[in-house]
Amino acid sequence: LLDALGISLTHGTAEALYTAIITDTGNFAYSNTSADS
């Protein structure tokens, strides 16, 4: 979404989104982990 809106990431937003992804994928161990993840 942020890419589509043309909004640049900052260190803080990148860290927040990385936290979102690694916690919900179990640090990339769960079956919901994909190549896109």
All heavy atoms as atom14 arrays in JSON, in Angstrom:
{
  "sequence": "LLDALGISLTHGTAEALYTAIITDTGNFAYSNTSADS",
  "atom14_mask": [
    [1, 1, 1, 1, 1, 1, 1, 1, 0, 0, 0, 0, 0, 0],
    [1, 1, 1, 1, 1, 1, 1, 1, 0, 0, 0, 0, 0, 0],
    [1, 1, 1, 1, 1, 1, 1, 1, 0, 0, 0, 0, 0, 0],
    [1, 1, 1, 1, 1, 0, 0, 0, 0, 0, 0, 0, 0, 0],
    [1, 1, 1, 1, 1, 1, 1, 1, 0, 0, 0, 0, 0, 0],
    [1, 1, 1, 1, 0, 0, 0, 0, 0, 0, 0, 0, 0, 0],
    [1, 1, 1, 1, 1, 1, 1, 1, 0, 0, 0, 0, 0, 0],
    [1, 1, 1, 1, 1, 1, 0, 0, 0, 0, 0, 0, 0, 0],
    [1, 1, 1, 1, 1, 1, 1, 1, 0, 0, 0, 0, 0, 0],
    [1, 1, 1, 1, 1, 1, 1, 0, 0, 0, 0, 0, 0, 0],
    [1, 1, 1, 1, 1, 1, 1, 1, 1, 1, 0, 0, 0, 0],
    [1, 1, 1, 1, 0, 0, 0, 0, 0, 0, 0, 0, 0, 0],
    [1, 1, 1, 1, 1, 1, 1, 0, 0, 0, 0, 0, 0, 0],
    [1, 1, 1, 1, 1, 0, 0, 0, 0, 0, 0, 0, 0, 0],
    [1, 1, 1, 1, 1, 1, 1, 1, 1, 0, 0, 0, 0, 0],
    [1, 1, 1, 1, 1, 0, 0, 0, 0, 0, 0, 0, 0, 0],
    [1, 1, 1, 1, 1, 1, 1, 1, 0, 0, 0, 0, 0, 0],
    [1, 1, 1, 1, 1, 1, 1, 1, 1, 1, 1, 1, 0, 0],
    [1, 1, 1, 1, 1, 1, 1, 0, 0, 0, 0, 0, 0, 0],
    [1, 1, 1, 1, 1, 0, 0, 0, 0, 0, 0, 0, 0, 0],
    [1, 1, 1, 1, 1, 1, 1, 1, 0, 0, 0, 0, 0, 0],
    [1, 1, 1, 1, 1, 1, 1, 1, 0, 0, 0, 0, 0, 0],
    [1, 1, 1, 1, 1, 1, 1, 0, 0, 0, 0, 0, 0, 0],
    [1, 1, 1, 1, 1, 1, 1, 1, 0, 0, 0, 0, 0, 0],
    [1, 1, 1, 1, 1, 1, 1, 0, 0, 0, 0, 0, 0, 0],
    [1, 1, 1, 1, 0, 0, 0, 0, 0, 0, 0, 0, 0, 0],
    [1, 1, 1, 1, 1, 1, 1, 1, 0, 0, 0, 0, 0, 0],
    [1, 1, 1, 1, 1, 1, 1, 1, 1, 1, 1, 0, 0, 0],
    [1, 1, 1, 1, 1, 0, 0, 0, 0, 0, 0, 0, 0, 0],
    [1, 1, 1, 1, 1, 1, 1, 1, 1, 1, 1, 1, 0, 0],
    [1, 1, 1, 1, 1, 1, 0, 0, 0, 0, 0, 0, 0, 0],
    [1, 1, 1, 1, 1, 1, 1, 1, 0, 0, 0, 0, 0, 0],
    [1, 1, 1, 1, 1, 1, 1, 0, 0, 0, 0, 0, 0, 0],
    [1, 1, 1, 1, 1, 1, 0, 0, 0, 0, 0, 0, 0, 0],
    [1, 1, 1, 1, 1, 0, 0, 0, 0, 0, 0, 0, 0, 0],
    [1, 1, 1, 1, 1, 1, 1, 1, 0, 0, 0, 0, 0, 0],
    [1, 1, 1, 1, 1, 1, 0, 0, 0, 0, 0, 0, 0, 0]
  ],
  "atom14_positions": [
    [[0.82, -1.21, 0.0], [0.0, 0.0, 0.0], [0.86, 1.27, 0.0], [0.61, 2.21, -0.77], [-0.92, -0.01, 1.22], [-1.78, 1.23, 1.46], [-2.75, 1.44, 0.3], [-2.54, 1.12, 2.78], [0.0, 0.0, 0.0], [0.0, 0.0, 0.0], [0.0, 0.0, 0.0], [0.0, 0.0, 0.0], [0.0, 0.0, 0.0], [0.0, 0.0, 0.0]],
    [[1.89, 1.3, 0.84], [2.75, 2.49, 0.91], [3.47, 2.71, -0.41], [3.67, 3.85, -0.85], [3.75, 2.35, 2.07], [3.15, 2.21, 3.47], [4.23, 2.37, 4.53], [2.02, 3.19, 3.7], [0.0, 0.0, 0.0], [0.0, 0.0, 0.0], [0.0, 0.0, 0.0], [0.0, 0.0, 0.0], [0.0, 0.0, 0.0], [0.0, 0.0, 0.0]],
    [[3.87, 1.6, -1.04], [4.52, 1.72, -2.35], [3.54, 2.3, -3.38], [3.9, 3.17, -4.17], [5.03, 0.36, -2.79], [5.8, 0.43, -4.1], [6.84, 1.12, -4.15], [5.36, -0.21, -5.08], [0.0, 0.0, 0.0], [0.0, 0.0, 0.0], [0.0, 0.0, 0.0], [0.0, 0.0, 0.0], [0.0, 0.0, 0.0], [0.0, 0.0, 0.0]],
    [[2.29, 1.82, -3.35], [1.29, 2.31, -4.3], [0.99, 3.79, -4.08], [0.68, 4.52, -5.03], [0.01, 1.48, -4.16], [0.0, 0.0, 0.0], [0.0, 0.0, 0.0], [0.0, 0.0, 0.0], [0.0, 0.0, 0.0], [0.0, 0.0, 0.0], [0.0, 0.0, 0.0], [0.0, 0.0, 0.0], [0.0, 0.0, 0.0], [0.0, 0.0, 0.0]],
    [[1.08, 4.24, -2.83], [0.82, 5.64, -2.5], [2.04, 6.52, -2.76], [1.96, 7.75, -2.62], [0.4, 5.77, -1.03], [-0.99, 5.22, -0.68], [-1.15, 5.1, 0.83], [-2.08, 6.1, -1.27], [0.0, 0.0, 0.0], [0.0, 0.0, 0.0], [0.0, 0.0, 0.0], [0.0, 0.0, 0.0], [0.0, 0.0, 0.0], [0.0, 0.0, 0.0]],
    [[3.17, 5.89, -3.08], [4.39, 6.65, -3.33], [5.01, 7.22, -2.07], [5.73, 8.23, -2.12], [0.0, 0.0, 0.0], [0.0, 0.0, 0.0], [0.0, 0.0, 0.0], [0.0, 0.0, 0.0], [0.0, 0.0, 0.0], [0.0, 0.0, 0.0], [0.0, 0.0, 0.0], [0.0, 0.0, 0.0], [0.0, 0.0, 0.0], [0.0, 0.0, 0.0]],
    [[4.79, 6.56, -0.94], [5.32, 7.04, 0.34], [6.62, 6.29, 0.65], [6.64, 5.06, 0.7], [4.31, 6.83, 1.48], [3.01, 7.58, 1.18], [4.9, 7.29, 2.81], [1.91, 7.34, 2.19], [0.0, 0.0, 0.0], [0.0, 0.0, 0.0], [0.0, 0.0, 0.0], [0.0, 0.0, 0.0], [0.0, 0.0, 0.0], [0.0, 0.0, 0.0]],
    [[7.69, 7.03, 0.87], [8.99, 6.42, 1.16], [9.01, 5.86, 2.57], [8.43, 6.44, 3.5], [10.1, 7.47, 1.0], [10.15, 7.96, -0.33], [0.0, 0.0, 0.0], [0.0, 0.0, 0.0], [0.0, 0.0, 0.0], [0.0, 0.0, 0.0], [0.0, 0.0, 0.0], [0.0, 0.0, 0.0], [0.0, 0.0, 0.0], [0.0, 0.0, 0.0]],
    [[9.7, 4.75, 2.74], [9.86, 4.15, 4.07], [10.95, 4.88, 4.84], [11.88, 5.46, 4.26], [10.24, 2.68, 3.95], [9.23, 1.74, 3.29], [9.78, 0.32, 3.29], [7.89, 1.78, 3.99], [0.0, 0.0, 0.0], [0.0, 0.0, 0.0], [0.0, 0.0, 0.0], [0.0, 0.0, 0.0], [0.0, 0.0, 0.0], [0.0, 0.0, 0.0]],
    [[10.83, 4.84, 6.16], [11.88, 5.29, 7.05], [12.38, 4.09, 7.84], [11.79, 3.0, 7.75], [11.35, 6.36, 8.02], [10.37, 5.73, 8.88], [10.72, 7.53, 7.29], [0.0, 0.0, 0.0], [0.0, 0.0, 0.0], [0.0, 0.0, 0.0], [0.0, 0.0, 0.0], [0.0, 0.0, 0.0], [0.0, 0.0, 0.0], [0.0, 0.0, 0.0]],
    [[13.42, 4.27, 8.61], [13.89, 3.18, 9.45], [12.78, 2.71, 10.38], [12.58, 1.5, 10.57], [15.11, 3.62, 10.26], [15.61, 2.56, 11.2], [15.12, 2.41, 12.48], [16.53, 1.58, 11.03], [15.72, 1.4, 13.06], [16.58, 0.87, 12.22], [0.0, 0.0, 0.0], [0.0, 0.0, 0.0], [0.0, 0.0, 0.0], [0.0, 0.0, 0.0]],
    [[12.04, 3.65, 10.95], [10.98, 3.29, 11.9], [9.85, 2.51, 11.27], [9.37, 1.52, 11.84], [0.0, 0.0, 0.0], [0.0, 0.0, 0.0], [0.0, 0.0, 0.0], [0.0, 0.0, 0.0], [0.0, 0.0, 0.0], [0.0, 0.0, 0.0], [0.0, 0.0, 0.0], [0.0, 0.0, 0.0], [0.0, 0.0, 0.0], [0.0, 0.0, 0.0]],
    [[9.4, 2.93, 10.07], [8.31, 2.21, 9.42], [8.78, 0.84, 8.94], [8.04, -0.14, 9.02], [7.73, 3.01, 8.24], [8.77, 3.35, 7.33], [7.04, 4.26, 8.72], [0.0, 0.0, 0.0], [0.0, 0.0, 0.0], [0.0, 0.0, 0.0], [0.0, 0.0, 0.0], [0.0, 0.0, 0.0], [0.0, 0.0, 0.0], [0.0, 0.0, 0.0]],
    [[10.02, 0.78, 8.47], [10.57, -0.52, 8.03], [10.67, -1.48, 9.2], [10.31, -2.67, 9.08], [11.94, -0.32, 7.39], [0.0, 0.0, 0.0], [0.0, 0.0, 0.0], [0.0, 0.0, 0.0], [0.0, 0.0, 0.0], [0.0, 0.0, 0.0], [0.0, 0.0, 0.0], [0.0, 0.0, 0.0], [0.0, 0.0, 0.0], [0.0, 0.0, 0.0]],
    [[11.11, -1.0, 10.36], [11.23, -1.86, 11.53], [9.86, -2.34, 11.99], [9.69, -3.52, 12.37], [11.93, -1.11, 12.66], [12.22, -1.96, 13.88], [13.04, -1.22, 14.91], [12.56, -0.18, 15.42], [14.15, -1.67, 15.22], [0.0, 0.0, 0.0], [0.0, 0.0, 0.0], [0.0, 0.0, 0.0], [0.0, 0.0, 0.0], [0.0, 0.0, 0.0]],
    [[8.86, -1.46, 11.93], [7.5, -1.85, 12.34], [6.94, -2.92, 11.41], [6.32, -3.89, 11.86], [6.6, -0.61, 12.36], [0.0, 0.0, 0.0], [0.0, 0.0, 0.0], [0.0, 0.0, 0.0], [0.0, 0.0, 0.0], [0.0, 0.0, 0.0], [0.0, 0.0, 0.0], [0.0, 0.0, 0.0], [0.0, 0.0, 0.0], [0.0, 0.0, 0.0]],
    [[7.14, -2.76, 10.11], [6.61, -3.73, 9.16], [7.39, -5.04, 9.21], [6.8, -6.13, 9.05], [6.64, -3.15, 7.75], [5.66, -2.01, 7.5], [5.81, -1.46, 6.09], [4.22, -2.46, 7.74], [0.0, 0.0, 0.0], [0.0, 0.0, 0.0], [0.0, 0.0, 0.0], [0.0, 0.0, 0.0], [0.0, 0.0, 0.0], [0.0, 0.0, 0.0]],
    [[8.69, -4.98, 9.45], [9.46, -6.21, 9.6], [8.98, -6.97, 10.84], [8.82, -8.2, 10.81], [10.95, -5.9, 9.72], [11.83, -7.12, 9.61], [12.21, -7.61, 8.37], [12.26, -7.8, 10.74], [13.01, -8.74, 8.25], [13.04, -8.94, 10.65], [13.42, -9.4, 9.4], [14.18, -10.54, 9.29], [0.0, 0.0, 0.0], [0.0, 0.0, 0.0]],
    [[8.7, -6.24, 11.92], [8.15, -6.85, 13.14], [6.82, -7.52, 12.83], [6.55, -8.64, 13.28], [7.98, -5.79, 14.23], [9.27, -5.27, 14.6], [7.3, -6.37, 15.47], [0.0, 0.0, 0.0], [0.0, 0.0, 0.0], [0.0, 0.0, 0.0], [0.0, 0.0, 0.0], [0.0, 0.0, 0.0], [0.0, 0.0, 0.0], [0.0, 0.0, 0.0]],
    [[5.98, -6.84, 12.05], [4.67, -7.41, 11.68], [4.84, -8.74, 10.97], [4.16, -9.72, 11.28], [3.93, -6.42, 10.79], [0.0, 0.0, 0.0], [0.0, 0.0, 0.0], [0.0, 0.0, 0.0], [0.0, 0.0, 0.0], [0.0, 0.0, 0.0], [0.0, 0.0, 0.0], [0.0, 0.0, 0.0], [0.0, 0.0, 0.0], [0.0, 0.0, 0.0]],
    [[5.77, -8.79, 10.03], [5.93, -9.99, 9.21], [6.58, -11.13, 9.98], [6.11, -12.28, 9.93], [6.74, -9.66, 7.93], [5.94, -8.7, 7.04], [7.1, -10.93, 7.17], [6.72, -8.1, 5.9], [0.0, 0.0, 0.0], [0.0, 0.0, 0.0], [0.0, 0.0, 0.0], [0.0, 0.0, 0.0], [0.0, 0.0, 0.0], [0.0, 0.0, 0.0]],
    [[7.63, -10.85, 10.74], [8.31, -11.96, 11.41], [7.5, -12.53, 12.57], [7.59, -13.73, 12.86], [9.74, -11.61, 11.88], [9.75, -10.49, 12.92], [10.63, -11.27, 10.71], [11.14, -10.28, 13.53], [0.0, 0.0, 0.0], [0.0, 0.0, 0.0], [0.0, 0.0, 0.0], [0.0, 0.0, 0.0], [0.0, 0.0, 0.0], [0.0, 0.0, 0.0]],
    [[6.7, -11.71, 13.22], [5.91, -12.26, 14.32], [4.77, -13.12, 13.8], [4.48, -14.18, 14.37], [5.35, -11.14, 15.21], [4.69, -10.16, 14.41], [6.46, -10.47, 16.01], [0.0, 0.0, 0.0], [0.0, 0.0, 0.0], [0.0, 0.0, 0.0], [0.0, 0.0, 0.0], [0.0, 0.0, 0.0], [0.0, 0.0, 0.0], [0.0, 0.0, 0.0]],
    [[4.14, -12.72, 12.7], [3.0, -13.5, 12.21], [3.41, -14.73, 11.4], [2.59, -15.62, 11.19], [2.04, -12.63, 11.4], [0.7, -12.45, 12.09], [0.68, -12.37, 13.33], [-0.33, -12.4, 11.41], [0.0, 0.0, 0.0], [0.0, 0.0, 0.0], [0.0, 0.0, 0.0], [0.0, 0.0, 0.0], [0.0, 0.0, 0.0], [0.0, 0.0, 0.0]],
    [[4.65, -14.76, 10.95], [5.13, -15.96, 10.24], [5.99, -16.84, 11.15], [6.56, -17.82, 10.68], [5.97, -15.57, 9.0], [7.11, -14.8, 9.42], [5.15, -14.78, 7.99], [0.0, 0.0, 0.0], [0.0, 0.0, 0.0], [0.0, 0.0, 0.0], [0.0, 0.0, 0.0], [0.0, 0.0, 0.0], [0.0, 0.0, 0.0], [0.0, 0.0, 0.0]],
    [[6.06, -16.49, 12.44], [6.88, -17.28, 13.36], [8.34, -17.26, 12.97], [9.02, -18.29, 12.99], [0.0, 0.0, 0.0], [0.0, 0.0, 0.0], [0.0, 0.0, 0.0], [0.0, 0.0, 0.0], [0.0, 0.0, 0.0], [0.0, 0.0, 0.0], [0.0, 0.0, 0.0], [0.0, 0.0, 0.0], [0.0, 0.0, 0.0], [0.0, 0.0, 0.0]],
    [[8.83, -16.04, 12.62], [10.22, -15.91, 12.16], [10.45, -16.77, 10.92], [11.47, -17.44, 10.78], [11.2, -16.24, 13.27], [12.41, -15.33, 13.27], [12.54, -14.47, 12.41], [13.3, -15.53, 14.22], [0.0, 0.0, 0.0], [0.0, 0.0, 0.0], [0.0, 0.0, 0.0], [0.0, 0.0, 0.0], [0.0, 0.0, 0.0], [0.0, 0.0, 0.0]],
    [[9.45, -16.77, 10.02], [9.49, -17.47, 8.74], [9.46, -18.99, 8.89], [9.94, -19.71, 8.02], [10.7, -17.05, 7.9], [10.85, -15.56, 7.78], [11.95, -14.91, 8.3], [9.86, -14.8, 7.18], [12.08, -13.53, 8.22], [9.97, -13.42, 7.08], [11.09, -12.78, 7.6], [0.0, 0.0, 0.0], [0.0, 0.0, 0.0], [0.0, 0.0, 0.0]],
    [[8.84, -19.47, 9.98], [8.76, -20.91, 10.22], [7.37, -21.47, 9.97], [7.21, -22.68, 9.87], [9.19, -21.23, 11.65], [0.0, 0.0, 0.0], [0.0, 0.0, 0.0], [0.0, 0.0, 0.0], [0.0, 0.0, 0.0], [0.0, 0.0, 0.0], [0.0, 0.0, 0.0], [0.0, 0.0, 0.0], [0.0, 0.0, 0.0], [0.0, 0.0, 0.0]],
    [[6.34, -20.61, 9.89], [4.97, -21.09, 9.75], [4.61, -21.32, 8.28], [5.25, -20.79, 7.36], [3.98, -20.1, 10.35], [4.1, -19.9, 11.85], [3.53, -18.78, 12.45], [4.77, -20.81, 12.66], [3.61, -18.57, 13.82], [4.86, -20.6, 14.03], [4.29, -19.48, 14.61], [4.39, -19.27, 15.96], [0.0, 0.0, 0.0], [0.0, 0.0, 0.0]],
    [[3.53, -22.06, 8.07], [3.11, -22.42, 6.71], [2.61, -21.22, 5.91], [2.49, -21.29, 4.69], [2.01, -23.49, 6.77], [0.87, -22.99, 7.46], [0.0, 0.0, 0.0], [0.0, 0.0, 0.0], [0.0, 0.0, 0.0], [0.0, 0.0, 0.0], [0.0, 0.0, 0.0], [0.0, 0.0, 0.0], [0.0, 0.0, 0.0], [0.0, 0.0, 0.0]],
    [[2.31, -20.1, 6.59], [1.84, -18.92, 5.86], [2.98, -18.12, 5.25], [2.76, -17.14, 4.54], [1.0, -18.02, 6.77], [1.76, -17.52, 7.98], [2.75, -18.09, 8.4], [1.27, -16.44, 8.58], [0.0, 0.0, 0.0], [0.0, 0.0, 0.0], [0.0, 0.0, 0.0], [0.0, 0.0, 0.0], [0.0, 0.0, 0.0], [0.0, 0.0, 0.0]],
    [[4.23, -18.52, 5.51], [5.38, -17.84, 4.92], [5.44, -18.15, 3.42], [5.36, -19.3, 3.01], [6.69, -18.31, 5.57], [6.61, -18.13, 6.99], [7.88, -17.54, 5.04], [0.0, 0.0, 0.0], [0.0, 0.0, 0.0], [0.0, 0.0, 0.0], [0.0, 0.0, 0.0], [0.0, 0.0, 0.0], [0.0, 0.0, 0.0], [0.0, 0.0, 0.0]],
    [[5.57, -17.11, 2.62], [5.64, -17.28, 1.17], [6.9, -16.61, 0.64], [7.62, -15.91, 1.36], [4.42, -16.66, 0.5], [4.45, -15.25, 0.64], [0.0, 0.0, 0.0], [0.0, 0.0, 0.0], [0.0, 0.0, 0.0], [0.0, 0.0, 0.0], [0.0, 0.0, 0.0], [0.0, 0.0, 0.0], [0.0, 0.0, 0.0], [0.0, 0.0, 0.0]],
    [[7.13, -16.79, -0.66], [8.25, -16.09, -1.29], [8.08, -14.58, -1.16], [9.05, -13.84, -0.94], [8.34, -16.5, -2.77], [0.0, 0.0, 0.0], [0.0, 0.0, 0.0], [0.0, 0.0, 0.0], [0.0, 0.0, 0.0], [0.0, 0.0, 0.0], [0.0, 0.0, 0.0], [0.0, 0.0, 0.0], [0.0, 0.0, 0.0], [0.0, 0.0, 0.0]],
    [[6.83, -14.11, -1.26], [6.57, -12.68, -1.12], [6.9, -12.19, 0.29], [7.37, -11.05, 0.47], [5.11, -12.37, -1.45], [4.81, -12.45, -2.94], [5.77, -12.35, -3.74], [3.64, -12.62, -3.3], [0.0, 0.0, 0.0], [0.0, 0.0, 0.0], [0.0, 0.0, 0.0], [0.0, 0.0, 0.0], [0.0, 0.0, 0.0], [0.0, 0.0, 0.0]],
    [[6.66, -13.04, 1.31], [7.01, -12.67, 2.68], [8.51, -12.43, 2.79], [8.97, -11.45, 3.4], [6.61, -13.78, 3.66], [5.25, -14.11, 3.56], [0.0, 0.0, 0.0], [0.0, 0.0, 0.0], [0.0, 0.0, 0.0], [0.0, 0.0, 0.0], [0.0, 0.0, 0.0], [0.0, 0.0, 0.0], [0.0, 0.0, 0.0], [0.0, 0.0, 0.0]]
  ]
}
